[in-house]
Amino acid sequence: MDDSVERSCWGVAAKAAIGLAGIIFLAWLFIGAETAAVVAAAG
């Protein structure tokens, strides 16, 4: 019982970490692209 609960907990933690990293990565891409466009337009 404890083993399955522990595995499930790690699975949820891993999915949460990957999801959070993915959101941060997409936000970084979006902000980076937007900043590049603003710099290109200003330049």
PDB file of N, CA and C in Angstrom:
ATOM      1  N   MET A   1       0.842  -1.199   0.000  1.00  0.00           N
ATOM      2  CA  MET A   1       0.000   0.000   0.000  1.00  0.00           C
ATOM      3  C   MET A   1       0.875   1.247   0.000  1.00  0.00           C
ATOM      4  N   ASP A   2       1.849   1.290   0.886  1.00  0.00           N
ATOM      5  CA  ASP A   2       2.710   2.462   0.981  1.00  0.00           C
ATOM      6  C   ASP A   2       3.511   2.677  -0.311  1.00  0.00           C
ATOM      7  N   ASP A   3       3.968   1.566  -0.906  1.00  0.00           N
ATOM      8  CA  ASP A   3       4.761   1.680  -2.141  1.00  0.00           C
ATOM      9  C   ASP A   3       3.944   2.342  -3.252  1.00  0.00           C
ATOM     10  N   SER A   4       2.707   1.892  -3.436  1.00  0.00           N
ATOM     11  CA  SER A   4       1.879   2.450  -4.514  1.00  0.00           C
ATOM     12  C   SER A   4       1.563   3.921  -4.241  1.00  0.00           C
ATOM     13  N   VAL A   5       1.333   4.258  -2.984  1.00  0.00           N
ATOM     14  CA  VAL A   5       1.048   5.654  -2.629  1.00  0.00           C
ATOM     15  C   VAL A   5       2.279   6.505  -2.909  1.00  0.00           C
ATOM     16  N   GLU A   6       3.444   5.994  -2.548  1.00  0.00           N
ATOM     17  CA  GLU A   6       4.677   6.755  -2.764  1.00  0.00           C
ATOM     18  C   GLU A   6       4.927   6.961  -4.256  1.00  0.00           C
ATOM     19  N   ARG A   7       4.755   5.899  -5.056  1.00  0.00           N
ATOM     20  CA  ARG A   7       4.943   6.013  -6.507  1.00  0.00           C
ATOM     21  C   ARG A   7       3.969   7.025  -7.090  1.00  0.00           C
ATOM     22  N   SER A   8       2.714   6.955  -6.656  1.00  0.00           N
ATOM     23  CA  SER A   8       1.701   7.871  -7.153  1.00  0.00           C
ATOM     24  C   SER A   8       2.085   9.314  -6.802  1.00  0.00           C
ATOM     25  N   CYS A   9       2.551   9.512  -5.590  1.00  0.00           N
ATOM     26  CA  CYS A   9       2.955  10.841  -5.147  1.00  0.00           C
ATOM     27  C   CYS A   9       4.095  11.373  -6.013  1.00  0.00           C
ATOM     28  N   TRP A  10       5.096  10.515  -6.269  1.00  0.00           N
ATOM     29  CA  TRP A  10       6.225  10.938  -7.117  1.00  0.00           C
ATOM     30  C   TRP A  10       5.757  11.238  -8.527  1.00  0.00           C
ATOM     31  N   GLY A  11       4.810  10.442  -9.036  1.00  0.00           N
ATOM     32  CA  GLY A  11       4.285  10.677 -10.385  1.00  0.00           C
ATOM     33  C   GLY A  11       3.604  12.043 -10.479  1.00  0.00           C
ATOM     34  N   VAL A  12       2.801  12.353  -9.472  1.00  0.00           N
ATOM     35  CA  VAL A  12       2.114  13.651  -9.451  1.00  0.00           C
ATOM     36  C   VAL A  12       3.133  14.775  -9.338  1.00  0.00           C
ATOM     37  N   ALA A  13       4.125  14.623  -8.480  1.00  0.00           N
ATOM     38  CA  ALA A  13       5.147  15.651  -8.309  1.00  0.00           C
ATOM     39  C   ALA A  13       5.923  15.860  -9.606  1.00  0.00           C
ATOM     40  N   ALA A  14       6.263  14.761 -10.287  1.00  0.00           N
ATOM     41  CA  ALA A  14       7.009  14.862 -11.545  1.00  0.00           C
ATOM     42  C   ALA A  14       6.178  15.572 -12.604  1.00  0.00           C
ATOM     43  N   LYS A  15       4.888  15.214 -12.722  1.00  0.00           N
ATOM     44  CA  LYS A  15       4.019  15.874 -13.699  1.00  0.00           C
ATOM     45  C   LYS A  15       3.879  17.354 -13.382  1.00  0.00           C
ATOM     46  N   ALA A  16       3.750  17.692 -12.110  1.00  0.00           N
ATOM     47  CA  ALA A  16       3.620  19.095 -11.717  1.00  0.00           C
ATOM     48  C   ALA A  16       4.894  19.866 -12.060  1.00  0.00           C
ATOM     49  N   ALA A  17       6.049  19.266 -11.793  1.00  0.00           N
ATOM     50  CA  ALA A  17       7.322  19.922 -12.080  1.00  0.00           C
ATOM     51  C   ALA A  17       7.506  20.122 -13.587  1.00  0.00           C
ATOM     52  N   ILE A  18       7.174  19.093 -14.365  1.00  0.00           N
ATOM     53  CA  ILE A  18       7.303  19.191 -15.825  1.00  0.00           C
ATOM     54  C   ILE A  18       6.318  20.226 -16.372  1.00  0.00           C
ATOM     55  N   GLY A  19       5.100  20.209 -15.859  1.00  0.00           N
ATOM     56  CA  GLY A  19       4.099  21.180 -16.296  1.00  0.00           C
ATOM     57  C   GLY A  19       4.533  22.605 -15.973  1.00  0.00           C
ATOM     58  N   LEU A  20       5.037  22.808 -14.765  1.00  0.00           N
ATOM     59  CA  LEU A  20       5.490  24.140 -14.363  1.00  0.00           C
ATOM     60  C   LEU A  20       6.654  24.593 -15.228  1.00  0.00           C
ATOM     61  N   ALA A  21       7.597  23.690 -15.481  1.00  0.00           N
ATOM     62  CA  ALA A  21       8.739  24.024 -16.342  1.00  0.00           C
ATOM     63  C   ALA A  21       8.259  24.372 -17.744  1.00  0.00           C
ATOM     64  N   GLY A  22       7.281  23.634 -18.253  1.00  0.00           N
ATOM     65  CA  GLY A  22       6.738  23.908 -19.579  1.00  0.00           C
ATOM     66  C   GLY A  22       6.077  25.271 -19.649  1.00  0.00           C
ATOM     67  N   ILE A  23       5.321  25.635 -18.612  1.00  0.00           N
ATOM     68  CA  ILE A  23       4.656  26.942 -18.579  1.00  0.00           C
ATOM     69  C   ILE A  23       5.700  28.060 -18.536  1.00  0.00           C
ATOM     70  N   ILE A  24       6.720  27.888 -17.695  1.00  0.00           N
ATOM     71  CA  ILE A  24       7.780  28.898 -17.606  1.00  0.00           C
ATOM     72  C   ILE A  24       8.501  29.017 -18.946  1.00  0.00           C
ATOM     73  N   PHE A  25       8.773  27.889 -19.589  1.00  0.00           N
ATOM     74  CA  PHE A  25       9.470  27.898 -20.876  1.00  0.00           C
ATOM     75  C   PHE A  25       8.648  28.624 -21.940  1.00  0.00           C
ATOM     76  N   LEU A  26       7.333  28.319 -21.993  1.00  0.00           N
ATOM     77  CA  LEU A  26       6.467  28.991 -22.973  1.00  0.00           C
ATOM     78  C   LEU A  26       6.389  30.480 -22.684  1.00  0.00           C
ATOM     79  N   ALA A  27       6.274  30.856 -21.425  1.00  0.00           N
ATOM     80  CA  ALA A  27       6.224  32.276 -21.066  1.00  0.00           C
ATOM     81  C   ALA A  27       7.531  32.963 -21.460  1.00  0.00           C
ATOM     82  N   TRP A  28       8.652  32.294 -21.223  1.00  0.00           N
ATOM     83  CA  TRP A  28       9.963  32.854 -21.576  1.00  0.00           C
ATOM     84  C   TRP A  28      10.070  33.027 -23.094  1.00  0.00           C
ATOM     85  N   LEU A  29       9.605  32.030 -23.837  1.00  0.00           N
ATOM     86  CA  LEU A  29       9.620  32.130 -25.306  1.00  0.00           C
ATOM     87  C   LEU A  29       8.768  33.302 -25.763  1.00  0.00           C
ATOM     88  N   PHE A  30       7.548  33.404 -25.219  1.00  0.00           N
ATOM     89  CA  PHE A  30       6.623  34.459 -25.615  1.00  0.00           C
ATOM     90  C   PHE A  30       7.202  35.834 -25.283  1.00  0.00           C
ATOM     91  N   ILE A  31       7.713  35.998 -24.065  1.00  0.00           N
ATOM     92  CA  ILE A  31       8.286  37.287 -23.645  1.00  0.00           C
ATOM     93  C   ILE A  31       9.520  37.601 -24.470  1.00  0.00           C
ATOM     94  N   GLY A  32      10.345  36.593 -24.716  1.00  0.00           N
ATOM     95  CA  GLY A  32      11.558  36.799 -25.504  1.00  0.00           C
ATOM     96  C   GLY A  32      11.232  37.218 -26.933  1.00  0.00           C
ATOM     97  N   ALA A  33      10.226  36.562 -27.541  1.00  0.00           N
ATOM     98  CA  ALA A  33       9.826  36.900 -28.908  1.00  0.00           C
ATOM     99  C   ALA A  33       9.256  38.310 -28.955  1.00  0.00           C
ATOM    100  N   GLU A  34       8.447  38.640 -27.954  1.00  0.00           N
ATOM    101  CA  GLU A  34       7.823  39.975 -27.893  1.00  0.00           C
ATOM    102  C   GLU A  34       8.888  41.043 -27.726  1.00  0.00           C
ATOM    103  N   THR A  35       9.851  40.799 -26.855  1.00  0.00           N
ATOM    104  CA  THR A  35      10.933  41.753 -26.631  1.00  0.00           C
ATOM    105  C   THR A  35      11.747  41.936 -27.907  1.00  0.00           C
ATOM    106  N   ALA A  36      12.043  40.848 -28.597  1.00  0.00           N
ATOM    107  CA  ALA A  36      12.812  40.910 -29.842  1.00  0.00           C
ATOM    108  C   ALA A  36      12.036  41.727 -30.881  1.00  0.00           C
ATOM    109  N   ALA A  37      10.729  41.542 -30.964  1.00  0.00           N
ATOM    110  CA  ALA A  37       9.914  42.275 -31.928  1.00  0.00           C
ATOM    111  C   ALA A  37       9.915  43.763 -31.597  1.00  0.00           C
ATOM    112  N   VAL A  38       9.816  44.097 -30.322  1.00  0.00           N
ATOM    113  CA  VAL A  38       9.820  45.509 -29.905  1.00  0.00           C
ATOM    114  C   VAL A  38      11.166  46.144 -30.228  1.00  0.00           C
ATOM    115  N   VAL A  39      12.246  45.427 -29.947  1.00  0.00           N
ATOM    116  CA  VAL A  39      13.576  45.950 -30.233  1.00  0.00           C
ATOM    117  C   VAL A  39      13.762  46.128 -31.740  1.00  0.00           C
ATOM    118  N   ALA A  40      13.284  45.159 -32.530  1.00  0.00           N
ATOM    119  CA  ALA A  40      13.409  45.240 -33.978  1.00  0.00           C
ATOM    120  C   ALA A  40      12.588  46.435 -34.511  1.00  0.00           C
ATOM    121  N   ALA A  41      11.405  46.625 -33.968  1.00  0.00           N
ATOM    122  CA  ALA A  41      10.547  47.726 -34.422  1.00  0.00           C
ATOM    123  C   ALA A  41      11.161  49.079 -34.022  1.00  0.00           C
ATOM    124  N   ALA A  42      11.732  49.155 -32.827  1.00  0.00           N
ATOM    125  CA  ALA A  42      12.324  50.408 -32.349  1.00  0.00           C
ATOM    126  C   ALA A  42      13.610  50.700 -33.108  1.00  0.00           C
ATOM    127  N   GLY A  43      14.350  49.636 -33.420  1.00  0.00           N
ATOM    128  CA  GLY A  43      15.633  49.810 -34.099  1.00  0.00           C
ATOM    129  C   GLY A  43      15.411  50.163 -35.561  1.00  0.00           C
TER     130      GLY A  43
END
